[in-house]
Protein backbone atom coordinates (compact mmCIF):
# COMPACT_ATOMS: atom_id res chain seq x y z
CA UNK A 1 0.03 -0.01 0.12
CA UNK A 2 1.57 3.51 -0.88
CA UNK A 3 1.46 6.61 1.24
CA UNK A 4 3.34 9.71 0.19
CA UNK A 5 5.28 10.86 3.14
CA UNK A 6 4.10 14.46 1.96
CA UNK A 7 0.50 13.48 2.86
CA UNK A 8 -0.55 14.92 6.43
CA UNK A 9 -1.99 13.12 8.92
CA UNK A 10 -5.90 14.97 8.75
CA UNK A 11 -7.39 18.63 8.16
CA UNK A 12 -8.87 20.64 5.81
CA UNK A 13 -8.10 20.22 1.97
CA UNK A 14 -8.89 23.52 -0.05
CA UNK A 15 -10.19 23.59 -3.87
CA UNK A 16 -9.86 26.52 -5.67
CA UNK A 17 -12.94 27.35 -7.95
CA UNK A 18 -11.42 28.53 -11.05
CA UNK A 19 -9.72 31.84 -12.23
CA UNK A 20 -10.40 34.42 -9.98
CA UNK A 21 -8.77 37.66 -9.71
CA UNK A 22 -7.74 37.63 -6.51
CA UNK A 23 -6.66 34.06 -6.16
CA UNK A 24 -2.92 34.18 -4.50
CA UNK A 25 -4.88 36.58 -2.17
CA UNK A 26 -7.53 34.19 -1.68
CA UNK A 27 -5.19 31.44 -1.25
CA UNK A 28 -2.93 33.25 1.49
CA UNK A 29 -5.73 34.32 3.81
CA UNK A 30 -6.81 30.13 3.46
CA UNK A 31 -3.22 29.37 4.29
CA UNK A 32 -3.23 31.82 6.92
CA UNK A 33 -6.76 30.02 8.35
CA UNK A 34 -4.62 26.80 8.72
CA UNK A 35 -5.84 24.89 5.79
CA UNK A 36 -3.60 21.39 5.62
CA UNK A 37 -3.72 20.97 2.07
CA UNK A 38 -4.37 22.86 -1.63
CA UNK A 39 -5.90 21.46 -4.70
CA UNK A 40 -5.82 23.94 -7.53
CA UNK A 41 -8.46 23.56 -9.84
CA UNK A 42 -8.76 25.31 -13.03
CA UNK A 43 -10.81 23.52 -16.22
CA UNK A 44 -9.51 26.19 -18.62
CA UNK A 45 -7.54 25.98 -21.40
CA UNK A 46 -5.13 29.06 -20.52
CA UNK A 47 -2.22 27.39 -20.35
CA UNK A 48 0.59 30.32 -19.28
CA UNK A 49 -1.94 31.87 -16.52
CA UNK A 50 -2.21 28.49 -15.06
CA UNK A 51 1.33 27.38 -14.98
CA UNK A 52 2.10 31.33 -13.77
CA UNK A 53 -0.86 30.77 -10.97
CA UNK A 54 0.24 27.21 -9.90
CA UNK A 55 3.78 28.43 -9.51
CA UNK A 56 2.84 31.26 -7.41
CA UNK A 57 0.15 29.10 -5.08
CA UNK A 58 3.04 26.12 -4.98
CA UNK A 59 5.17 28.65 -3.41
CA UNK A 60 2.69 29.98 -1.00
CA UNK A 61 1.92 26.74 -0.14
CA UNK A 62 5.67 25.66 0.63
CA UNK A 63 6.21 28.46 3.08
CA UNK A 64 3.91 27.51 5.10
CA UNK A 65 4.52 23.88 4.52
CA UNK A 66 1.59 22.58 3.03
CA UNK A 67 1.27 20.52 0.35
CA UNK A 68 -0.36 21.58 -3.18
CA UNK A 69 -2.16 19.10 -6.17
CA UNK A 70 -2.73 19.91 -9.39
CA UNK A 71 -6.29 19.02 -10.04
CA UNK A 72 -6.38 16.26 -13.45
CA UNK A 73 -2.82 17.83 -15.22
CA UNK A 74 -0.15 15.27 -14.46
CA UNK A 75 2.24 17.31 -17.19
CA UNK A 76 1.61 20.36 -15.18
CA UNK A 77 2.07 19.13 -12.09
CA UNK A 78 5.35 17.83 -13.35
CA UNK A 79 5.74 20.93 -15.04
CA UNK A 80 5.81 23.19 -11.88
CA UNK A 81 7.09 20.54 -9.40
CA UNK A 82 3.63 20.38 -7.80
CA UNK A 83 3.53 17.97 -4.72
CA UNK A 84 1.24 15.43 -6.42
CA UNK A 85 -2.34 15.21 -8.52
CA UNK A 86 -5.93 14.82 -8.16
CA UNK A 87 -7.20 12.58 -11.01
CA UNK A 88 -10.91 11.57 -11.39
CA UNK A 89 -12.42 8.52 -13.25
CA UNK A 90 -11.70 9.69 -16.91
CA UNK A 91 -8.49 11.07 -15.87
CA UNK A 92 -4.63 9.54 -16.11
CA UNK A 93 -3.97 6.40 -14.96
CA UNK A 94 -2.75 6.13 -11.39
CA UNK A 95 0.30 4.11 -12.54
CA UNK A 96 1.17 6.58 -15.59
CA UNK A 97 1.01 9.48 -13.03
CA UNK A 98 3.26 7.75 -10.77
CA UNK A 99 5.51 7.03 -13.56
CA UNK A 100 5.81 10.85 -14.50
CA UNK A 101 5.58 12.38 -10.70
CA UNK A 102 7.76 9.37 -9.12
CA UNK A 103 7.32 7.73 -5.67
CA UNK A 104 6.85 10.47 -3.42
CA UNK A 105 4.08 12.26 -5.19
CA UNK A 106 0.76 12.40 -3.29
CA UNK A 107 -1.63 10.97 -6.05
CA UNK A 108 -5.37 11.44 -4.85
CA UNK A 109 -8.40 9.81 -6.92
CA UNK A 110 -12.00 10.23 -6.75
CA UNK A 111 -14.25 7.47 -5.81
CA UNK A 112 -17.52 9.08 -5.79
CA UNK A 113 -19.58 6.78 -4.25
CA UNK A 114 -18.29 3.39 -5.22
CA UNK A 115 -15.86 1.29 -2.59
CA UNK A 116 -15.06 -0.87 -5.55
CA UNK A 117 -13.27 1.96 -7.18
CA UNK A 118 -11.70 2.85 -3.94
CA UNK A 119 -10.44 -0.80 -3.87
CA UNK A 120 -9.29 -0.85 -7.18
CA UNK A 121 -7.62 2.48 -6.35
CA UNK A 122 -5.95 1.73 -3.47
CA UNK A 123 -4.07 -1.73 -5.00
CA UNK A 124 -2.73 0.61 -7.68
CA UNK A 125 -0.98 2.72 -5.20
CA UNK A 126 -3.54 5.83 -4.58
CA UNK A 127 -2.31 8.06 -1.80
CA UNK A 128 -5.28 8.74 -0.76
CA UNK A 129 -9.37 7.99 -1.36
CA UNK A 130 -11.74 10.76 -2.03
CA UNK A 131 -15.90 10.21 -1.65
CA UNK A 132 -18.47 12.47 -2.22
CA UNK A 133 -20.65 14.39 -2.69
CA UNK A 134 -22.08 13.93 0.26
CA UNK A 135 -24.34 17.19 0.53
CA UNK A 136 -25.99 19.47 -2.28
CA UNK A 137 -23.14 21.08 -3.67
CA UNK A 138 -22.65 24.39 -5.38
CA UNK A 139 -19.96 23.18 -7.24
CA UNK A 140 -21.03 19.81 -8.38
CA UNK A 141 -25.07 20.16 -8.11
CA UNK A 142 -25.54 16.60 -10.13
CA UNK A 143 -23.05 14.75 -8.22
CA UNK A 144 -23.38 11.60 -7.27
CA UNK A 145 -24.38 11.18 -3.85
CA UNK A 146 -22.18 9.37 -1.11
CA UNK A 147 -23.36 8.37 2.27
CA UNK A 148 -21.06 8.22 5.69
CA UNK A 149 -21.65 4.45 5.55
CA UNK A 150 -19.23 4.44 2.88
CA UNK A 151 -16.63 6.14 4.97
CA UNK A 152 -16.88 3.60 7.72
CA UNK A 153 -16.54 0.61 4.97
CA UNK A 154 -13.24 2.47 3.48
CA UNK A 155 -11.31 2.54 6.69
CA UNK A 156 -10.59 -0.99 5.91
CA UNK A 157 -7.98 0.06 3.13
CA UNK A 158 -5.84 1.86 5.64
CA UNK A 159 -5.43 4.96 3.32
CA UNK A 160 -6.41 8.53 4.47
CA UNK A 161 -9.91 9.11 3.44
CA UNK A 162 -11.14 12.57 1.86
CA UNK A 163 -15.00 13.61 2.55
CA UNK A 164 -16.32 16.12 -0.46
CA UNK A 165 -19.36 17.99 -1.22
CA UNK A 166 -21.38 20.85 0.34
CA UNK A 167 -19.53 20.15 3.72
CA UNK A 168 -20.13 22.76 5.96
CA UNK A 169 -18.80 23.43 9.57
CA UNK A 170 -21.82 22.37 10.63
CA UNK A 171 -22.46 19.04 9.27
CA UNK A 172 -19.07 17.85 8.95
CA UNK A 173 -18.89 15.82 12.13
CA UNK A 174 -21.04 13.40 11.30
CA UNK A 175 -17.95 12.85 8.51
CA UNK A 176 -15.53 12.99 10.54
CA UNK A 177 -17.05 10.64 12.80
CA UNK A 178 -17.77 8.15 9.82
CA UNK A 179 -14.09 8.37 9.17
CA UNK A 180 -12.80 10.94 7.43
CA UNK A 181 -9.54 12.21 7.63
CA UNK A 182 -9.72 15.03 5.61
CA UNK A 183 -12.87 17.65 4.87
CA UNK A 184 -12.19 19.09 1.02
CA UNK A 185 -13.63 22.60 1.05
CA UNK A 186 -14.55 24.97 -2.31
CA UNK A 187 -17.35 27.64 -1.86
CA UNK A 188 -17.67 27.36 1.92
CA UNK A 189 -14.02 28.81 2.01
CA UNK A 190 -13.44 30.76 -1.34
CA UNK A 191 -17.15 31.85 -1.35
CA UNK A 192 -17.18 33.60 1.74
CA UNK A 193 -16.83 37.25 2.34
CA UNK A 194 -13.73 36.49 4.84
CA UNK A 195 -11.74 33.62 3.53
CA UNK A 196 -9.37 33.49 6.75
CA UNK A 197 -11.95 32.95 8.95
CA UNK A 198 -14.25 30.65 6.76
CA UNK A 199 -11.37 28.66 6.96
CA UNK A 200 -10.58 28.71 10.59
CA UNK A 201 -13.80 27.28 11.30
CA UNK A 202 -13.48 23.96 9.60
CA UNK A 203 -10.35 23.49 10.97
CA UNK A 204 -11.67 23.92 14.37
CA UNK A 205 -13.24 21.02 13.74
CA UNK A 206 -9.81 18.75 13.89
CA UNK A 207 -8.72 18.83 17.82
CA UNK A 208 -5.14 19.66 18.09
């Protein structure tokens, strides 16, 4: 079973929500709020901007010793030397990503509502398994729904578990109690008026 030494034990996993003029400043605020990991998610085709942003975010994250992953794009992750990549079911294979990024990279995968996919991805060398959506999500309103029982079942795979989808500081505890190690948040942090304070509210759910 593979597990990168770069991945934290648990915490808040913030995911960016596409292009925004204030992206770098907003990430700095989220980092100041105590997030444990960051995923750069931008589905546009503006490679020059995406490369520049990814590089700047990586620098910001590393100043706080927070790993940064790239969503979907293994080549961009390799180009900027990100800490890893997050893969969906239609993205690159885990083995191909590992061959390009190396044994130390964090390779996370979306398992949606499927324990069978989680087992397969664990066997192929994933570093963490993400499940969701657990609640209605403005980011992906039509996403498949997962249940807390799925997290409990996935504990047997002995990999960090990430819960995502419509998670708020008020509904997150049920997922943590079911076995989630990370709470992944998009709009709950980046749509807030005070990004630092929003991040702190999620971080406070994890006892020190």
